[in-house]
Amino acid sequence: MWMFDRTNLTGNEICFVGAGEADLQYYKRGSSWNWSGATRSFYAGYEYGYFWIPFACTTNFPALALQGAVSDSCILDSVSLTLSD
């Protein structure tokens, strides 16, 4: 999974590999921000999974999903990412 904080796969980038859950607040983005609520585009690669906000929403994505401009509020404001093999 490649995630970007700008549309069209640009800006700061973070990559996740393998099954598991990532709490995005613990991953730095730039010098003072984190990845919680920062995803604006992504490419899922060979894994599928979902973005979620606890007690609010979940958005699933298939393997090889390419989202050049995120418009889903559950992804835009997500605090967690779960990947499956």
PDB file of N, CA and C in Angstrom:
ATOM      1  N   MET A   1       0.841  -1.171   0.000  1.00  0.00           N
ATOM      2  CA  MET A   1       0.000   0.000   0.000  1.00  0.00           C
ATOM      3  C   MET A   1       0.887   1.235   0.000  1.00  0.00           C
ATOM      4  N   TRP A   2       0.674   2.104  -0.965  1.00  0.00           N
ATOM      5  CA  TRP A   2       1.345   3.390  -1.027  1.00  0.00           C
ATOM      6  C   TRP A   2       0.282   4.449  -0.774  1.00  0.00           C
ATOM      7  N   MET A   3       0.497   5.288   0.210  1.00  0.00           N
ATOM      8  CA  MET A   3      -0.437   6.363   0.533  1.00  0.00           C
ATOM      9  C   MET A   3       0.272   7.703   0.379  1.00  0.00           C
ATOM     10  N   PHE A   4      -0.489   8.703  -0.087  1.00  0.00           N
ATOM     11  CA  PHE A   4       0.055  10.034  -0.336  1.00  0.00           C
ATOM     12  C   PHE A   4      -0.834  11.088   0.316  1.00  0.00           C
ATOM     13  N   ASP A   5      -0.243  12.211   0.721  1.00  0.00           N
ATOM     14  CA  ASP A   5      -1.034  13.262   1.359  1.00  0.00           C
ATOM     15  C   ASP A   5      -1.476  14.345   0.381  1.00  0.00           C
ATOM     16  N   ARG A   6      -1.285  14.099  -0.923  1.00  0.00           N
ATOM     17  CA  ARG A   6      -1.806  14.973  -1.970  1.00  0.00           C
ATOM     18  C   ARG A   6      -2.452  14.098  -3.035  1.00  0.00           C
ATOM     19  N   THR A   7      -3.271  14.694  -3.869  1.00  0.00           N
ATOM     20  CA  THR A   7      -3.948  13.940  -4.926  1.00  0.00           C
ATOM     21  C   THR A   7      -2.955  13.490  -5.992  1.00  0.00           C
ATOM     22  N   ASN A   8      -3.406  12.555  -6.815  1.00  0.00           N
ATOM     23  CA  ASN A   8      -2.638  12.057  -7.959  1.00  0.00           C
ATOM     24  C   ASN A   8      -1.297  11.442  -7.581  1.00  0.00           C
ATOM     25  N   LEU A   9      -1.282  10.757  -6.426  1.00  0.00           N
ATOM     26  CA  LEU A   9      -0.094  10.035  -5.969  1.00  0.00           C
ATOM     27  C   LEU A   9       1.117  10.946  -5.827  1.00  0.00           C
ATOM     28  N   THR A  10       0.898  12.136  -5.240  1.00  0.00           N
ATOM     29  CA  THR A  10       1.972  13.110  -5.029  1.00  0.00           C
ATOM     30  C   THR A  10       2.025  13.523  -3.560  1.00  0.00           C
ATOM     31  N   GLY A  11       3.045  14.259  -3.213  1.00  0.00           N
ATOM     32  CA  GLY A  11       3.215  14.747  -1.849  1.00  0.00           C
ATOM     33  C   GLY A  11       4.010  13.761  -1.016  1.00  0.00           C
ATOM     34  N   ASN A  12       3.866  13.876   0.302  1.00  0.00           N
ATOM     35  CA  ASN A  12       4.520  12.922   1.198  1.00  0.00           C
ATOM     36  C   ASN A  12       3.952  11.539   0.952  1.00  0.00           C
ATOM     37  N   GLU A  13       4.785  10.521   1.085  1.00  0.00           N
ATOM     38  CA  GLU A  13       4.394   9.137   0.798  1.00  0.00           C
ATOM     39  C   GLU A  13       4.772   8.232   1.970  1.00  0.00           C
ATOM     40  N   ILE A  14       3.920   7.252   2.214  1.00  0.00           N
ATOM     41  CA  ILE A  14       4.224   6.201   3.175  1.00  0.00           C
ATOM     42  C   ILE A  14       3.834   4.877   2.545  1.00  0.00           C
ATOM     43  N   CYS A  15       4.550   3.827   2.876  1.00  0.00           N
ATOM     44  CA  CYS A  15       4.298   2.511   2.294  1.00  0.00           C
ATOM     45  C   CYS A  15       4.116   1.493   3.412  1.00  0.00           C
ATOM     46  N   PHE A  16       3.109   0.639   3.267  1.00  0.00           N
ATOM     47  CA  PHE A  16       2.871  -0.457   4.199  1.00  0.00           C
ATOM     48  C   PHE A  16       2.872  -1.764   3.422  1.00  0.00           C
ATOM     49  N   VAL A  17       3.464  -2.815   4.011  1.00  0.00           N
ATOM     50  CA  VAL A  17       3.541  -4.128   3.365  1.00  0.00           C
ATOM     51  C   VAL A  17       3.148  -5.193   4.380  1.00  0.00           C
ATOM     52  N   GLY A  18       2.343  -6.157   3.948  1.00  0.00           N
ATOM     53  CA  GLY A  18       1.969  -7.281   4.797  1.00  0.00           C
ATOM     54  C   GLY A  18       0.686  -7.057   5.560  1.00  0.00           C
ATOM     55  N   ALA A  19       0.096  -8.166   5.979  1.00  0.00           N
ATOM     56  CA  ALA A  19      -1.177  -8.124   6.701  1.00  0.00           C
ATOM     57  C   ALA A  19      -0.991  -7.510   8.081  1.00  0.00           C
ATOM     58  N   GLY A  20      -1.971  -6.720   8.497  1.00  0.00           N
ATOM     59  CA  GLY A  20      -1.949  -6.131   9.824  1.00  0.00           C
ATOM     60  C   GLY A  20      -2.688  -4.816   9.865  1.00  0.00           C
ATOM     61  N   GLU A  21      -2.678  -4.217  11.042  1.00  0.00           N
ATOM     62  CA  GLU A  21      -3.366  -2.945  11.255  1.00  0.00           C
ATOM     63  C   GLU A  21      -2.352  -1.876  11.624  1.00  0.00           C
ATOM     64  N   ALA A  22      -2.530  -0.685  11.049  1.00  0.00           N
ATOM     65  CA  ALA A  22      -1.649   0.443  11.351  1.00  0.00           C
ATOM     66  C   ALA A  22      -2.475   1.583  11.928  1.00  0.00           C
ATOM     67  N   ASP A  23      -2.116   2.027  13.127  1.00  0.00           N
ATOM     68  CA  ASP A  23      -2.720   3.200  13.741  1.00  0.00           C
ATOM     69  C   ASP A  23      -1.953   4.399  13.181  1.00  0.00           C
ATOM     70  N   LEU A  24      -2.581   5.148  12.301  1.00  0.00           N
ATOM     71  CA  LEU A  24      -1.886   6.157  11.508  1.00  0.00           C
ATOM     72  C   LEU A  24      -1.331   7.327  12.310  1.00  0.00           C
ATOM     73  N   GLN A  25      -1.804   7.538  13.517  1.00  0.00           N
ATOM     74  CA  GLN A  25      -1.269   8.639  14.324  1.00  0.00           C
ATOM     75  C   GLN A  25       0.180   8.401  14.756  1.00  0.00           C
ATOM     76  N   TYR A  26       0.637   7.161  14.681  1.00  0.00           N
ATOM     77  CA  TYR A  26       1.999   6.836  15.109  1.00  0.00           C
ATOM     78  C   TYR A  26       3.025   6.865  13.972  1.00  0.00           C
ATOM     79  N   TYR A  27       2.597   7.262  12.777  1.00  0.00           N
ATOM     80  CA  TYR A  27       3.504   7.330  11.630  1.00  0.00           C
ATOM     81  C   TYR A  27       3.698   8.790  11.236  1.00  0.00           C
ATOM     82  N   LYS A  28       4.943   9.254  11.291  1.00  0.00           N
ATOM     83  CA  LYS A  28       5.264  10.654  10.999  1.00  0.00           C
ATOM     84  C   LYS A  28       5.075  10.979   9.527  1.00  0.00           C
ATOM     85  N   ARG A  29       4.622  12.216   9.292  1.00  0.00           N
ATOM     86  CA  ARG A  29       4.446  12.751   7.938  1.00  0.00           C
ATOM     87  C   ARG A  29       5.053  14.146   7.956  1.00  0.00           C
ATOM     88  N   GLY A  30       6.172  14.280   7.297  1.00  0.00           N
ATOM     89  CA  GLY A  30       6.882  15.549   7.376  1.00  0.00           C
ATOM     90  C   GLY A  30       7.555  15.688   8.734  1.00  0.00           C
ATOM     91  N   SER A  31       7.806  16.895   9.153  1.00  0.00           N
ATOM     92  CA  SER A  31       8.540  17.095  10.397  1.00  0.00           C
ATOM     93  C   SER A  31       7.656  17.157  11.636  1.00  0.00           C
ATOM     94  N   SER A  32       6.373  17.520  11.485  1.00  0.00           N
ATOM     95  CA  SER A  32       5.568  17.689  12.695  1.00  0.00           C
ATOM     96  C   SER A  32       4.164  17.083  12.627  1.00  0.00           C
ATOM     97  N   TRP A  33       3.787  16.463  11.536  1.00  0.00           N
ATOM     98  CA  TRP A  33       2.444  15.912  11.390  1.00  0.00           C
ATOM     99  C   TRP A  33       2.503  14.411  11.321  1.00  0.00           C
ATOM    100  N   ASN A  34       1.319  13.768  11.436  1.00  0.00           N
ATOM    101  CA  ASN A  34       1.238  12.319  11.288  1.00  0.00           C
ATOM    102  C   ASN A  34       0.251  11.981  10.166  1.00  0.00           C
ATOM    103  N   TRP A  35       0.048  10.691   9.922  1.00  0.00           N
ATOM    104  CA  TRP A  35      -0.783  10.248   8.810  1.00  0.00           C
ATOM    105  C   TRP A  35      -2.270  10.129   9.150  1.00  0.00           C
ATOM    106  N   SER A  36      -2.654  10.369  10.378  1.00  0.00           N
ATOM    107  CA  SER A  36      -4.063  10.320  10.756  1.00  0.00           C
ATOM    108  C   SER A  36      -4.817  11.437  10.034  1.00  0.00           C
ATOM    109  N   GLY A  37      -5.812  11.080   9.240  1.00  0.00           N
ATOM    110  CA  GLY A  37      -6.604  12.060   8.500  1.00  0.00           C
ATOM    111  C   GLY A  37      -5.883  12.717   7.348  1.00  0.00           C
ATOM    112  N   ALA A  38      -4.839  12.102   6.817  1.00  0.00           N
ATOM    113  CA  ALA A  38      -4.008  12.752   5.802  1.00  0.00           C
ATOM    114  C   ALA A  38      -4.071  12.135   4.413  1.00  0.00           C
ATOM    115  N   THR A  39      -4.684  10.972   4.242  1.00  0.00           N
ATOM    116  CA  THR A  39      -4.654  10.281   2.955  1.00  0.00           C
ATOM    117  C   THR A  39      -5.489  11.013   1.906  1.00  0.00           C
ATOM    118  N   ARG A  40      -4.857  11.382   0.792  1.00  0.00           N
ATOM    119  CA  ARG A  40      -5.554  12.065  -0.304  1.00  0.00           C
ATOM    120  C   ARG A  40      -5.515  11.261  -1.602  1.00  0.00           C
ATOM    121  N   SER A  41      -4.621  10.266  -1.673  1.00  0.00           N
ATOM    122  CA  SER A  41      -4.580   9.346  -2.815  1.00  0.00           C
ATOM    123  C   SER A  41      -3.809   8.110  -2.373  1.00  0.00           C
ATOM    124  N   PHE A  42      -4.040   6.986  -3.091  1.00  0.00           N
ATOM    125  CA  PHE A  42      -3.348   5.756  -2.718  1.00  0.00           C
ATOM    126  C   PHE A  42      -3.359   4.741  -3.845  1.00  0.00           C
ATOM    127  N   TYR A  43      -2.421   3.797  -3.757  1.00  0.00           N
ATOM    128  CA  TYR A  43      -2.379   2.628  -4.623  1.00  0.00           C
ATOM    129  C   TYR A  43      -2.230   1.428  -3.705  1.00  0.00           C
ATOM    130  N   ALA A  44      -3.177   0.486  -3.758  1.00  0.00           N
ATOM    131  CA  ALA A  44      -3.217  -0.623  -2.809  1.00  0.00           C
ATOM    132  C   ALA A  44      -2.184  -1.706  -3.066  1.00  0.00           C
ATOM    133  N   GLY A  45      -1.626  -1.796  -4.253  1.00  0.00           N
ATOM    134  CA  GLY A  45      -0.704  -2.891  -4.530  1.00  0.00           C
ATOM    135  C   GLY A  45      -1.438  -4.225  -4.491  1.00  0.00           C
ATOM    136  N   TYR A  46      -0.759  -5.273  -4.058  1.00  0.00           N
ATOM    137  CA  TYR A  46      -1.345  -6.616  -4.105  1.00  0.00           C
ATOM    138  C   TYR A  46      -2.150  -6.988  -2.874  1.00  0.00           C
ATOM    139  N   GLU A  47      -2.339  -6.067  -1.963  1.00  0.00           N
ATOM    140  CA  GLU A  47      -3.103  -6.369  -0.759  1.00  0.00           C
ATOM    141  C   GLU A  47      -4.444  -5.631  -0.786  1.00  0.00           C
ATOM    142  N   TYR A  48      -5.430  -6.203  -0.139  1.00  0.00           N
ATOM    143  CA  TYR A  48      -6.726  -5.550   0.008  1.00  0.00           C
ATOM    144  C   TYR A  48      -6.914  -5.210   1.480  1.00  0.00           C
ATOM    145  N   GLY A  49      -7.906  -4.405   1.774  1.00  0.00           N
ATOM    146  CA  GLY A  49      -8.126  -4.055   3.170  1.00  0.00           C
ATOM    147  C   GLY A  49      -9.144  -2.963   3.320  1.00  0.00           C
ATOM    148  N   TYR A  50      -8.965  -2.144   4.357  1.00  0.00           N
ATOM    149  CA  TYR A  50      -9.908  -1.058   4.585  1.00  0.00           C
ATOM    150  C   TYR A  50      -9.298   0.046   5.444  1.00  0.00           C
ATOM    151  N   PHE A  51      -9.826   1.241   5.213  1.00  0.00           N
ATOM    152  CA  PHE A  51      -9.549   2.404   6.049  1.00  0.00           C
ATOM    153  C   PHE A  51     -10.716   2.495   7.024  1.00  0.00           C
ATOM    154  N   TRP A  52     -10.455   2.970   8.244  1.00  0.00           N
ATOM    155  CA  TRP A  52     -11.578   3.118   9.156  1.00  0.00           C
ATOM    156  C   TRP A  52     -11.360   4.192  10.209  1.00  0.00           C
ATOM    157  N   ILE A  53     -12.509   4.642  10.722  1.00  0.00           N
ATOM    158  CA  ILE A  53     -12.589   5.567  11.844  1.00  0.00           C
ATOM    159  C   ILE A  53     -13.389   4.834  12.905  1.00  0.00           C
ATOM    160  N   PRO A  54     -12.830   4.570  14.083  1.00  0.00           N
ATOM    161  CA  PRO A  54     -13.547   3.807  15.113  1.00  0.00           C
ATOM    162  C   PRO A  54     -14.932   4.381  15.420  1.00  0.00           C
ATOM    163  N   PHE A  55     -15.903   3.497  15.490  1.00  0.00           N
ATOM    164  CA  PHE A  55     -17.284   3.839  15.828  1.00  0.00           C
ATOM    165  C   PHE A  55     -17.951   4.780  14.829  1.00  0.00           C
ATOM    166  N   ALA A  56     -17.366   4.935  13.644  1.00  0.00           N
ATOM    167  CA  ALA A  56     -17.936   5.863  12.666  1.00  0.00           C
ATOM    168  C   ALA A  56     -18.125   5.226  11.291  1.00  0.00           C
ATOM    169  N   CYS A  57     -17.049   4.733  10.664  1.00  0.00           N
ATOM    170  CA  CYS A  57     -17.185   4.213   9.308  1.00  0.00           C
ATOM    171  C   CYS A  57     -15.993   3.349   8.910  1.00  0.00           C
ATOM    172  N   THR A  58     -16.211   2.577   7.846  1.00  0.00           N
ATOM    173  CA  THR A  58     -15.184   1.723   7.249  1.00  0.00           C
ATOM    174  C   THR A  58     -15.328   1.813   5.736  1.00  0.00           C
ATOM    175  N   THR A  59     -14.218   1.923   5.023  1.00  0.00           N
ATOM    176  CA  THR A  59     -14.231   1.894   3.560  1.00  0.00           C
ATOM    177  C   THR A  59     -13.262   0.825   3.085  1.00  0.00           C
ATOM    178  N   ASN A  60     -13.791  -0.196   2.425  1.00  0.00           N
ATOM    179  CA  ASN A  60     -12.994  -1.305   1.890  1.00  0.00           C
ATOM    180  C   ASN A  60     -12.375  -0.928   0.548  1.00  0.00           C
ATOM    181  N   PHE A  61     -11.253  -1.568   0.229  1.00  0.00           N
ATOM    182  CA  PHE A  61     -10.660  -1.420  -1.096  1.00  0.00           C
ATOM    183  C   PHE A  61     -10.112  -2.774  -1.532  1.00  0.00           C
ATOM    184  N   PRO A  62     -10.174  -3.064  -2.833  1.00  0.00           N
ATOM    185  CA  PRO A  62      -9.638  -4.330  -3.347  1.00  0.00           C
ATOM    186  C   PRO A  62      -8.139  -4.207  -3.639  1.00  0.00           C
ATOM    187  N   ALA A  63      -7.506  -5.359  -3.827  1.00  0.00           N
ATOM    188  CA  ALA A  63      -6.112  -5.364  -4.284  1.00  0.00           C
ATOM    189  C   ALA A  63      -6.033  -4.616  -5.608  1.00  0.00           C
ATOM    190  N   LEU A  64      -4.941  -3.949  -5.834  1.00  0.00           N
ATOM    191  CA  LEU A  64      -4.647  -3.169  -7.038  1.00  0.00           C
ATOM    192  C   LEU A  64      -5.513  -1.927  -7.199  1.00  0.00           C
ATOM    193  N   ALA A  65      -6.240  -1.539  -6.144  1.00  0.00           N
ATOM    194  CA  ALA A  65      -7.051  -0.321  -6.205  1.00  0.00           C
ATOM    195  C   ALA A  65      -6.136   0.887  -6.368  1.00  0.00           C
ATOM    196  N   LEU A  66      -6.522   1.768  -7.267  1.00  0.00           N
ATOM    197  CA  LEU A  66      -5.788   3.006  -7.497  1.00  0.00           C
ATOM    198  C   LEU A  66      -6.769   4.155  -7.321  1.00  0.00           C
ATOM    199  N   GLN A  67      -6.501   5.019  -6.375  1.00  0.00           N
ATOM    200  CA  GLN A  67      -7.371   6.156  -6.104  1.00  0.00           C
ATOM    201  C   GLN A  67      -6.533   7.416  -6.210  1.00  0.00           C
ATOM    202  N   GLY A  68      -6.677   8.116  -7.335  1.00  0.00           N
ATOM    203  CA  GLY A  68      -5.868   9.311  -7.579  1.00  0.00           C
ATOM    204  C   GLY A  68      -6.324  10.530  -6.815  1.00  0.00           C
ATOM    205  N   ALA A  69      -7.607  10.580  -6.477  1.00  0.00           N
ATOM    206  CA  ALA A  69      -8.146  11.682  -5.685  1.00  0.00           C
ATOM    207  C   ALA A  69      -9.221  11.110  -4.766  1.00  0.00           C
ATOM    208  N   VAL A  70      -8.939  11.070  -3.484  1.00  0.00           N
ATOM    209  CA  VAL A  70      -9.870  10.509  -2.510  1.00  0.00           C
ATOM    210  C   VAL A  70     -10.999  11.492  -2.252  1.00  0.00           C
ATOM    211  N   SER A  71     -12.237  11.003  -2.327  1.00  0.00           N
ATOM    212  CA  SER A  71     -13.387  11.840  -1.997  1.00  0.00           C
ATOM    213  C   SER A  71     -14.209  11.238  -0.864  1.00  0.00           C
ATOM    214  N   ASP A  72     -13.945   9.993  -0.505  1.00  0.00           N
ATOM    215  CA  ASP A  72     -14.658   9.301   0.564  1.00  0.00           C
ATOM    216  C   ASP A  72     -14.202   9.855   1.920  1.00  0.00           C
ATOM    217  N   SER A  73     -15.123  10.403   2.698  1.00  0.00           N
ATOM    218  CA  SER A  73     -14.758  11.032   3.965  1.00  0.00           C
ATOM    219  C   SER A  73     -14.173  10.042   4.965  1.00  0.00           C
ATOM    220  N   CYS A  74     -14.539   8.773   4.850  1.00  0.00           N
ATOM    221  CA  CYS A  74     -13.989   7.768   5.756  1.00  0.00           C
ATOM    222  C   CYS A  74     -12.500   7.548   5.478  1.00  0.00           C
ATOM    223  N   ILE A  75     -12.083   7.679   4.235  1.00  0.00           N
ATOM    224  CA  ILE A  75     -10.651   7.576   3.903  1.00  0.00           C
ATOM    225  C   ILE A  75      -9.949   8.888   4.249  1.00  0.00           C
ATOM    226  N   LEU A  76     -10.563  10.018   3.874  1.00  0.00           N
ATOM    227  CA  LEU A  76      -9.952  11.326   4.141  1.00  0.00           C
ATOM    228  C   LEU A  76      -9.641  11.532   5.619  1.00  0.00           C
ATOM    229  N   ASP A  77     -10.526  11.078   6.484  1.00  0.00           N
ATOM    230  CA  ASP A  77     -10.374  11.291   7.922  1.00  0.00           C
ATOM    231  C   ASP A  77      -9.926  10.045   8.674  1.00  0.00           C
ATOM    232  N   SER A  78      -9.517   8.991   7.952  1.00  0.00           N
ATOM    233  CA  SER A  78      -9.193   7.715   8.595  1.00  0.00           C
ATOM    234  C   SER A  78      -8.060   7.841   9.600  1.00  0.00           C
ATOM    235  N   VAL A  79      -8.180   7.058  10.656  1.00  0.00           N
ATOM    236  CA  VAL A  79      -7.143   7.013  11.681  1.00  0.00           C
ATOM    237  C   VAL A  79      -6.445   5.663  11.704  1.00  0.00           C
ATOM    238  N   SER A  80      -6.973   4.707  10.908  1.00  0.00           N
ATOM    239  CA  SER A  80      -6.406   3.367  10.905  1.00  0.00           C
ATOM    240  C   SER A  80      -6.509   2.746   9.517  1.00  0.00           C
ATOM    241  N   LEU A  81      -5.541   1.883   9.214  1.00  0.00           N
ATOM    242  CA  LEU A  81      -5.492   1.135   7.957  1.00  0.00           C
ATOM    243  C   LEU A  81      -5.300  -0.326   8.303  1.00  0.00           C
ATOM    244  N   THR A  82      -6.104  -1.198   7.698  1.00  0.00           N
ATOM    245  CA  THR A  82      -5.943  -2.634   7.876  1.00  0.00           C
ATOM    246  C   THR A  82      -5.690  -3.267   6.517  1.00  0.00           C
ATOM    247  N   LEU A  83      -4.643  -4.080   6.414  1.00  0.00           N
ATOM    248  CA  LEU A  83      -4.302  -4.795   5.179  1.00  0.00           C
ATOM    249  C   LEU A  83      -4.404  -6.288   5.392  1.00  0.00           C
ATOM    250  N   SER A  84      -4.821  -6.995   4.329  1.00  0.00           N
ATOM    251  CA  SER A  84      -4.887  -8.454   4.319  1.00  0.00           C
ATOM    252  C   SER A  84      -4.134  -8.973   3.111  1.00  0.00           C
ATOM    253  N   ASP A  85      -3.544 -10.148   3.214  1.00  0.00           N
ATOM    254  CA  ASP A  85      -2.820 -10.763   2.076  1.00  0.00           C
ATOM    255  C   ASP A  85      -3.770 -11.365   1.081  1.00  0.00           C
TER     256      ASP A  85
END
